[in-house]
Every structure is written in structure tokens, then in C-alpha cells.
Amino acid sequence: MERPIDVLNNAKGKRVLIKLKKGTEISGILHAMDLHLNMWLEGAEQITEEKKIKLGTILVRGDNILYVSPEKSE
């Protein structure tokens, strides 16, 4: 059985969707993370109803994250 941290480790190099506590959604390629769930994303975009805002390379602090959804594997 996989632990949640294992699922995120397997998502490295793949696109993830992160929802922040304030409601902001960010999508990007997960490059690295730590045990505090601080996440380094490449090619990140902030997703709004109207448009996508390119953010580039960002670090999302783990205590701001509500949830993380890895890209579906097919």
C-alpha cells in the first residue's frame, strides 16, 4: 500500500494541481518537495476562471496548501 507521500514522490516530473487555502489554483511540473510539502514547480501557471497566468519556476510553501492532485497516469 502506498502512502500519500509516496504518491507525490511518484509524481515528480509530472504535472500537479495545487489548491491553496485562499482558493488559488496553481498547476505545474513537480520538480522537488520536502517532508513539509514545500513544492518546487517548473512551468507553473495560476489558473483562474478567465485565464492562465504564467508564473514560471516557483516554490509553494507547504503550510499554504489545501490539496495536491497529481496528473492521472494512463
PDB file of N, CA and C in Angstrom:
ATOM      1  N   MET A   1       0.838  -1.177   0.000  1.00  0.00           N
ATOM      2  CA  MET A   1       0.000   0.000   0.000  1.00  0.00           C
ATOM      3  C   MET A   1       0.889   1.249   0.000  1.00  0.00           C
ATOM      4  N   GLU A   2       0.542   2.206  -0.861  1.00  0.00           N
ATOM      5  CA  GLU A   2       1.320   3.432  -0.963  1.00  0.00           C
ATOM      6  C   GLU A   2       0.840   4.463   0.056  1.00  0.00           C
ATOM      7  N   ARG A   3       1.804   5.190   0.599  1.00  0.00           N
ATOM      8  CA  ARG A   3       1.480   6.315   1.480  1.00  0.00           C
ATOM      9  C   ARG A   3       1.278   7.552   0.608  1.00  0.00           C
ATOM     10  N   PRO A   4       0.556   8.551   1.110  1.00  0.00           N
ATOM     11  CA  PRO A   4       0.369   9.783   0.322  1.00  0.00           C
ATOM     12  C   PRO A   4       1.690  10.405  -0.123  1.00  0.00           C
ATOM     13  N   ILE A   5       2.699  10.387   0.718  1.00  0.00           N
ATOM     14  CA  ILE A   5       3.993  10.961   0.357  1.00  0.00           C
ATOM     15  C   ILE A   5       4.629  10.178  -0.797  1.00  0.00           C
ATOM     16  N   ASP A   6       4.383   8.859  -0.863  1.00  0.00           N
ATOM     17  CA  ASP A   6       4.887   8.039  -1.966  1.00  0.00           C
ATOM     18  C   ASP A   6       4.215   8.423  -3.289  1.00  0.00           C
ATOM     19  N   VAL A   7       2.920   8.699  -3.230  1.00  0.00           N
ATOM     20  CA  VAL A   7       2.183   9.107  -4.429  1.00  0.00           C
ATOM     21  C   VAL A   7       2.778  10.403  -4.978  1.00  0.00           C
ATOM     22  N   LEU A   8       3.073  11.353  -4.087  1.00  0.00           N
ATOM     23  CA  LEU A   8       3.668  12.613  -4.530  1.00  0.00           C
ATOM     24  C   LEU A   8       5.091  12.411  -5.039  1.00  0.00           C
ATOM     25  N   ASN A   9       5.852  11.536  -4.406  1.00  0.00           N
ATOM     26  CA  ASN A   9       7.204  11.238  -4.900  1.00  0.00           C
ATOM     27  C   ASN A   9       7.146  10.660  -6.310  1.00  0.00           C
ATOM     28  N   ASN A  10       6.153   9.813  -6.575  1.00  0.00           N
ATOM     29  CA  ASN A  10       5.993   9.228  -7.912  1.00  0.00           C
ATOM     30  C   ASN A  10       5.522  10.256  -8.936  1.00  0.00           C
ATOM     31  N   ALA A  11       4.998  11.396  -8.460  1.00  0.00           N
ATOM     32  CA  ALA A  11       4.509  12.440  -9.361  1.00  0.00           C
ATOM     33  C   ALA A  11       5.612  13.403  -9.786  1.00  0.00           C
ATOM     34  N   LYS A  12       6.828  13.228  -9.279  1.00  0.00           N
ATOM     35  CA  LYS A  12       7.924  14.116  -9.681  1.00  0.00           C
ATOM     36  C   LYS A  12       8.133  14.004 -11.184  1.00  0.00           C
ATOM     37  N   GLY A  13       8.278  15.165 -11.824  1.00  0.00           N
ATOM     38  CA  GLY A  13       8.431  15.205 -13.276  1.00  0.00           C
ATOM     39  C   GLY A  13       7.109  15.235 -14.017  1.00  0.00           C
ATOM     40  N   LYS A  14       6.002  15.190 -13.279  1.00  0.00           N
ATOM     41  CA  LYS A  14       4.666  15.220 -13.885  1.00  0.00           C
ATOM     42  C   LYS A  14       3.922  16.471 -13.403  1.00  0.00           C
ATOM     43  N   ARG A  15       2.872  16.796 -14.130  1.00  0.00           N
ATOM     44  CA  ARG A  15       2.058  17.965 -13.782  1.00  0.00           C
ATOM     45  C   ARG A  15       1.176  17.650 -12.571  1.00  0.00           C
ATOM     46  N   VAL A  16       1.106  18.620 -11.652  1.00  0.00           N
ATOM     47  CA  VAL A  16       0.234  18.520 -10.492  1.00  0.00           C
ATOM     48  C   VAL A  16      -0.627  19.773 -10.411  1.00  0.00           C
ATOM     49  N   LEU A  17      -1.774  19.638  -9.764  1.00  0.00           N
ATOM     50  CA  LEU A  17      -2.654  20.767  -9.499  1.00  0.00           C
ATOM     51  C   LEU A  17      -2.642  20.994  -7.993  1.00  0.00           C
ATOM     52  N   ILE A  18      -2.348  22.218  -7.590  1.00  0.00           N
ATOM     53  CA  ILE A  18      -2.299  22.569  -6.167  1.00  0.00           C
ATOM     54  C   ILE A  18      -3.377  23.602  -5.891  1.00  0.00           C
ATOM     55  N   LYS A  19      -4.181  23.365  -4.865  1.00  0.00           N
ATOM     56  CA  LYS A  19      -5.163  24.351  -4.416  1.00  0.00           C
ATOM     57  C   LYS A  19      -4.662  24.921  -3.103  1.00  0.00           C
ATOM     58  N   LEU A  20      -4.570  26.245  -3.032  1.00  0.00           N
ATOM     59  CA  LEU A  20      -4.100  26.915  -1.830  1.00  0.00           C
ATOM     60  C   LEU A  20      -5.275  27.265  -0.923  1.00  0.00           C
ATOM     61  N   LYS A  21      -4.986  27.516   0.341  1.00  0.00           N
ATOM     62  CA  LYS A  21      -6.024  27.796   1.325  1.00  0.00           C
ATOM     63  C   LYS A  21      -6.886  28.996   0.945  1.00  0.00           C
ATOM     64  N   LYS A  22      -6.320  29.979   0.247  1.00  0.00           N
ATOM     65  CA  LYS A  22      -7.088  31.171  -0.158  1.00  0.00           C
ATOM     66  C   LYS A  22      -7.908  30.936  -1.423  1.00  0.00           C
ATOM     67  N   GLY A  23      -7.857  29.702  -1.974  1.00  0.00           N
ATOM     68  CA  GLY A  23      -8.669  29.368  -3.137  1.00  0.00           C
ATOM     69  C   GLY A  23      -7.922  29.408  -4.454  1.00  0.00           C
ATOM     70  N   THR A  24      -6.697  29.903  -4.472  1.00  0.00           N
ATOM     71  CA  THR A  24      -5.900  29.964  -5.691  1.00  0.00           C
ATOM     72  C   THR A  24      -5.530  28.559  -6.144  1.00  0.00           C
ATOM     73  N   GLU A  25      -5.583  28.330  -7.459  1.00  0.00           N
ATOM     74  CA  GLU A  25      -5.158  27.058  -8.030  1.00  0.00           C
ATOM     75  C   GLU A  25      -3.914  27.282  -8.873  1.00  0.00           C
ATOM     76  N   ILE A  26      -2.924  26.427  -8.673  1.00  0.00           N
ATOM     77  CA  ILE A  26      -1.664  26.505  -9.411  1.00  0.00           C
ATOM     78  C   ILE A  26      -1.384  25.137 -10.014  1.00  0.00           C
ATOM     79  N   SER A  27      -0.979  25.140 -11.283  1.00  0.00           N
ATOM     80  CA  SER A  27      -0.619  23.918 -11.987  1.00  0.00           C
ATOM     81  C   SER A  27       0.825  24.032 -12.437  1.00  0.00           C
ATOM     82  N   GLY A  28       1.575  22.944 -12.335  1.00  0.00           N
ATOM     83  CA  GLY A  28       2.952  22.962 -12.792  1.00  0.00           C
ATOM     84  C   GLY A  28       3.590  21.584 -12.707  1.00  0.00           C
ATOM     85  N   ILE A  29       4.807  21.479 -13.209  1.00  0.00           N
ATOM     86  CA  ILE A  29       5.561  20.229 -13.161  1.00  0.00           C
ATOM     87  C   ILE A  29       6.281  20.158 -11.821  1.00  0.00           C
ATOM     88  N   LEU A  30       6.004  19.118 -11.047  1.00  0.00           N
ATOM     89  CA  LEU A  30       6.624  18.941  -9.735  1.00  0.00           C
ATOM     90  C   LEU A  30       8.083  18.546  -9.920  1.00  0.00           C
ATOM     91  N   HIS A  31       8.975  19.418  -9.482  1.00  0.00           N
ATOM     92  CA  HIS A  31      10.409  19.165  -9.612  1.00  0.00           C
ATOM     93  C   HIS A  31      10.968  18.530  -8.338  1.00  0.00           C
ATOM     94  N   ALA A  32      10.560  19.055  -7.182  1.00  0.00           N
ATOM     95  CA  ALA A  32      11.052  18.542  -5.898  1.00  0.00           C
ATOM     96  C   ALA A  32      10.091  18.947  -4.797  1.00  0.00           C
ATOM     97  N   MET A  33      10.199  18.253  -3.662  1.00  0.00           N
ATOM     98  CA  MET A  33       9.400  18.574  -2.479  1.00  0.00           C
ATOM     99  C   MET A  33      10.118  18.053  -1.252  1.00  0.00           C
ATOM    100  N   ASP A  34       9.668  18.510  -0.083  1.00  0.00           N
ATOM    101  CA  ASP A  34      10.246  18.019   1.162  1.00  0.00           C
ATOM    102  C   ASP A  34       9.137  17.486   2.067  1.00  0.00           C
ATOM    103  N   LEU A  35       9.506  17.086   3.275  1.00  0.00           N
ATOM    104  CA  LEU A  35       8.522  16.495   4.190  1.00  0.00           C
ATOM    105  C   LEU A  35       7.513  17.508   4.729  1.00  0.00           C
ATOM    106  N   HIS A  36       7.790  18.812   4.553  1.00  0.00           N
ATOM    107  CA  HIS A  36       6.835  19.858   4.956  1.00  0.00           C
ATOM    108  C   HIS A  36       5.870  20.169   3.813  1.00  0.00           C
ATOM    109  N   LEU A  37       6.002  19.440   2.718  1.00  0.00           N
ATOM    110  CA  LEU A  37       5.229  19.607   1.483  1.00  0.00           C
ATOM    111  C   LEU A  37       5.485  20.947   0.800  1.00  0.00           C
ATOM    112  N   ASN A  38       6.651  21.563   1.069  1.00  0.00           N
ATOM    113  CA  ASN A  38       7.086  22.677   0.246  1.00  0.00           C
ATOM    114  C   ASN A  38       7.339  22.091  -1.138  1.00  0.00           C
ATOM    115  N   MET A  39       6.808  22.734  -2.179  1.00  0.00           N
ATOM    116  CA  MET A  39       6.890  22.162  -3.525  1.00  0.00           C
ATOM    117  C   MET A  39       7.519  23.126  -4.504  1.00  0.00           C
ATOM    118  N   TRP A  40       8.506  22.620  -5.251  1.00  0.00           N
ATOM    119  CA  TRP A  40       9.176  23.371  -6.303  1.00  0.00           C
ATOM    120  C   TRP A  40       8.519  22.961  -7.607  1.00  0.00           C
ATOM    121  N   LEU A  41       7.917  23.930  -8.293  1.00  0.00           N
ATOM    122  CA  LEU A  41       7.239  23.680  -9.564  1.00  0.00           C
ATOM    123  C   LEU A  41       7.941  24.410 -10.697  1.00  0.00           C
ATOM    124  N   GLU A  42       8.053  23.742 -11.822  1.00  0.00           N
ATOM    125  CA  GLU A  42       8.580  24.337 -13.054  1.00  0.00           C
ATOM    126  C   GLU A  42       7.392  24.578 -13.990  1.00  0.00           C
ATOM    127  N   GLY A  43       7.455  25.619 -14.790  1.00  0.00           N
ATOM    128  CA  GLY A  43       6.388  25.900 -15.759  1.00  0.00           C
ATOM    129  C   GLY A  43       5.046  26.105 -15.094  1.00  0.00           C
ATOM    130  N   ALA A  44       5.053  26.749 -13.930  1.00  0.00           N
ATOM    131  CA  ALA A  44       3.820  26.912 -13.159  1.00  0.00           C
ATOM    132  C   ALA A  44       2.896  27.968 -13.769  1.00  0.00           C
ATOM    133  N   GLU A  45       1.602  27.744 -13.592  1.00  0.00           N
ATOM    134  CA  GLU A  45       0.570  28.674 -14.037  1.00  0.00           C
ATOM    135  C   GLU A  45      -0.474  28.812 -12.939  1.00  0.00           C
ATOM    136  N   GLN A  46      -0.916  30.054 -12.718  1.00  0.00           N
ATOM    137  CA  GLN A  46      -2.047  30.275 -11.820  1.00  0.00           C
ATOM    138  C   GLN A  46      -3.294  30.190 -12.678  1.00  0.00           C
ATOM    139  N   ILE A  47      -4.236  29.370 -12.258  1.00  0.00           N
ATOM    140  CA  ILE A  47      -5.439  29.131 -13.055  1.00  0.00           C
ATOM    141  C   ILE A  47      -6.599  29.908 -12.446  1.00  0.00           C
ATOM    142  N   THR A  48      -7.209  30.765 -13.270  1.00  0.00           N
ATOM    143  CA  THR A  48      -8.415  31.476 -12.856  1.00  0.00           C
ATOM    144  C   THR A  48      -9.516  31.123 -13.847  1.00  0.00           C
ATOM    145  N   GLU A  49     -10.728  31.544 -13.559  1.00  0.00           N
ATOM    146  CA  GLU A  49     -11.841  31.252 -14.464  1.00  0.00           C
ATOM    147  C   GLU A  49     -11.651  31.918 -15.819  1.00  0.00           C
ATOM    148  N   GLU A  50     -11.015  33.106 -15.820  1.00  0.00           N
ATOM    149  CA  GLU A  50     -10.865  33.853 -17.061  1.00  0.00           C
ATOM    150  C   GLU A  50      -9.638  33.459 -17.873  1.00  0.00           C
ATOM    151  N   LYS A  51      -8.515  33.153 -17.184  1.00  0.00           N
ATOM    152  CA  LYS A  51      -7.271  32.932 -17.912  1.00  0.00           C
ATOM    153  C   LYS A  51      -6.259  32.164 -17.071  1.00  0.00           C
ATOM    154  N   LYS A  52      -5.121  31.860 -17.704  1.00  0.00           N
ATOM    155  CA  LYS A  52      -3.985  31.253 -17.017  1.00  0.00           C
ATOM    156  C   LYS A  52      -2.865  32.279 -16.993  1.00  0.00           C
ATOM    157  N   ILE A  53      -2.288  32.495 -15.811  1.00  0.00           N
ATOM    158  CA  ILE A  53      -1.194  33.444 -15.652  1.00  0.00           C
ATOM    159  C   ILE A  53       0.090  32.658 -15.476  1.00  0.00           C
ATOM    160  N   LYS A  54       1.043  32.847 -16.378  1.00  0.00           N
ATOM    161  CA  LYS A  54       2.310  32.116 -16.309  1.00  0.00           C
ATOM    162  C   LYS A  54       3.146  32.644 -15.143  1.00  0.00           C
ATOM    163  N   LEU A  55       3.630  31.725 -14.303  1.00  0.00           N
ATOM    164  CA  LEU A  55       4.446  32.079 -13.147  1.00  0.00           C
ATOM    165  C   LEU A  55       5.883  31.607 -13.277  1.00  0.00           C
ATOM    166  N   GLY A  56       6.131  30.618 -14.132  1.00  0.00           N
ATOM    167  CA  GLY A  56       7.476  30.085 -14.313  1.00  0.00           C
ATOM    168  C   GLY A  56       7.856  29.129 -13.198  1.00  0.00           C
ATOM    169  N   THR A  57       9.067  29.290 -12.654  1.00  0.00           N
ATOM    170  CA  THR A  57       9.558  28.432 -11.577  1.00  0.00           C
ATOM    171  C   THR A  57       9.176  29.056 -10.237  1.00  0.00           C
ATOM    172  N   ILE A  58       8.481  28.278  -9.403  1.00  0.00           N
ATOM    173  CA  ILE A  58       8.053  28.804  -8.107  1.00  0.00           C
ATOM    174  C   ILE A  58       8.251  27.762  -7.006  1.00  0.00           C
ATOM    175  N   LEU A  59       8.262  28.248  -5.784  1.00  0.00           N
ATOM    176  CA  LEU A  59       8.262  27.407  -4.595  1.00  0.00           C
ATOM    177  C   LEU A  59       6.974  27.702  -3.844  1.00  0.00           C
ATOM    178  N   VAL A  60       6.165  26.672  -3.627  1.00  0.00           N
ATOM    179  CA  VAL A  60       4.915  26.817  -2.886  1.00  0.00           C
ATOM    180  C   VAL A  60       5.157  26.287  -1.477  1.00  0.00           C
ATOM    181  N   ARG A  61       4.926  27.124  -0.502  1.00  0.00           N
ATOM    182  CA  ARG A  61       5.143  26.720   0.886  1.00  0.00           C
ATOM    183  C   ARG A  61       4.058  25.745   1.326  1.00  0.00           C
ATOM    184  N   GLY A  62       4.462  24.648   1.937  1.00  0.00           N
ATOM    185  CA  GLY A  62       3.557  23.560   2.282  1.00  0.00           C
ATOM    186  C   GLY A  62       2.399  23.938   3.189  1.00  0.00           C
ATOM    187  N   ASP A  63       2.606  24.894   4.107  1.00  0.00           N
ATOM    188  CA  ASP A  63       1.510  25.225   5.020  1.00  0.00           C
ATOM    189  C   ASP A  63       0.435  26.096   4.372  1.00  0.00           C
ATOM    190  N   ASN A  64       0.617  26.470   3.096  1.00  0.00           N
ATOM    191  CA  ASN A  64      -0.418  27.194   2.348  1.00  0.00           C
ATOM    192  C   ASN A  64      -1.268  26.268   1.486  1.00  0.00           C
ATOM    193  N   ILE A  65      -0.897  24.982   1.416  1.00  0.00           N
ATOM    194  CA  ILE A  65      -1.553  24.043   0.505  1.00  0.00           C
ATOM    195  C   ILE A  65      -2.765  23.390   1.172  1.00  0.00           C
ATOM    196  N   LEU A  66      -3.887  23.426   0.442  1.00  0.00           N
ATOM    197  CA  LEU A  66      -5.088  22.732   0.876  1.00  0.00           C
ATOM    198  C   LEU A  66      -5.075  21.295   0.357  1.00  0.00           C
ATOM    199  N   TYR A  67      -4.760  21.121  -0.946  1.00  0.00           N
ATOM    200  CA  TYR A  67      -4.599  19.779  -1.509  1.00  0.00           C
ATOM    201  C   TYR A  67      -3.716  19.809  -2.737  1.00  0.00           C
ATOM    202  N   VAL A  68      -3.193  18.635  -3.088  1.00  0.00           N
ATOM    203  CA  VAL A  68      -2.373  18.452  -4.294  1.00  0.00           C
ATOM    204  C   VAL A  68      -2.958  17.260  -5.046  1.00  0.00           C
ATOM    205  N   SER A  69      -3.141  17.438  -6.336  1.00  0.00           N
ATOM    206  CA  SER A  69      -3.672  16.369  -7.174  1.00  0.00           C
ATOM    207  C   SER A  69      -2.682  16.062  -8.297  1.00  0.00           C
ATOM    208  N   PRO A  70      -2.051  14.880  -8.255  1.00  0.00           N
ATOM    209  CA  PRO A  70      -1.128  14.509  -9.345  1.00  0.00           C
ATOM    210  C   PRO A  70      -1.903  14.242 -10.641  1.00  0.00           C
ATOM    211  N   GLU A  71      -1.186  14.407 -11.759  1.00  0.00           N
ATOM    212  CA  GLU A  71      -1.756  14.090 -13.070  1.00  0.00           C
ATOM    213  C   GLU A  71      -2.130  12.614 -13.099  1.00  0.00           C
ATOM    214  N   LYS A  72      -3.221  12.305 -13.724  1.00  0.00           N
ATOM    215  CA  LYS A  72      -3.674  10.915 -13.828  1.00  0.00           C
ATOM    216  C   LYS A  72      -2.756  10.121 -14.742  1.00  0.00           C
ATOM    217  N   SER A  73      -2.292   8.960 -14.282  1.00  0.00           N
ATOM    218  CA  SER A  73      -1.480   8.064 -15.116  1.00  0.00           C
ATOM    219  C   SER A  73      -2.392   7.176 -15.934  1.00  0.00           C
ATOM    220  N   GLU A  74      -2.039   6.999 -17.211  1.00  0.00           N
ATOM    221  CA  GLU A  74      -2.890   6.143 -18.048  1.00  0.00           C
ATOM    222  C   GLU A  74      -2.131   4.944 -18.522  1.00  0.00           C
TER     223      GLU A  74
END
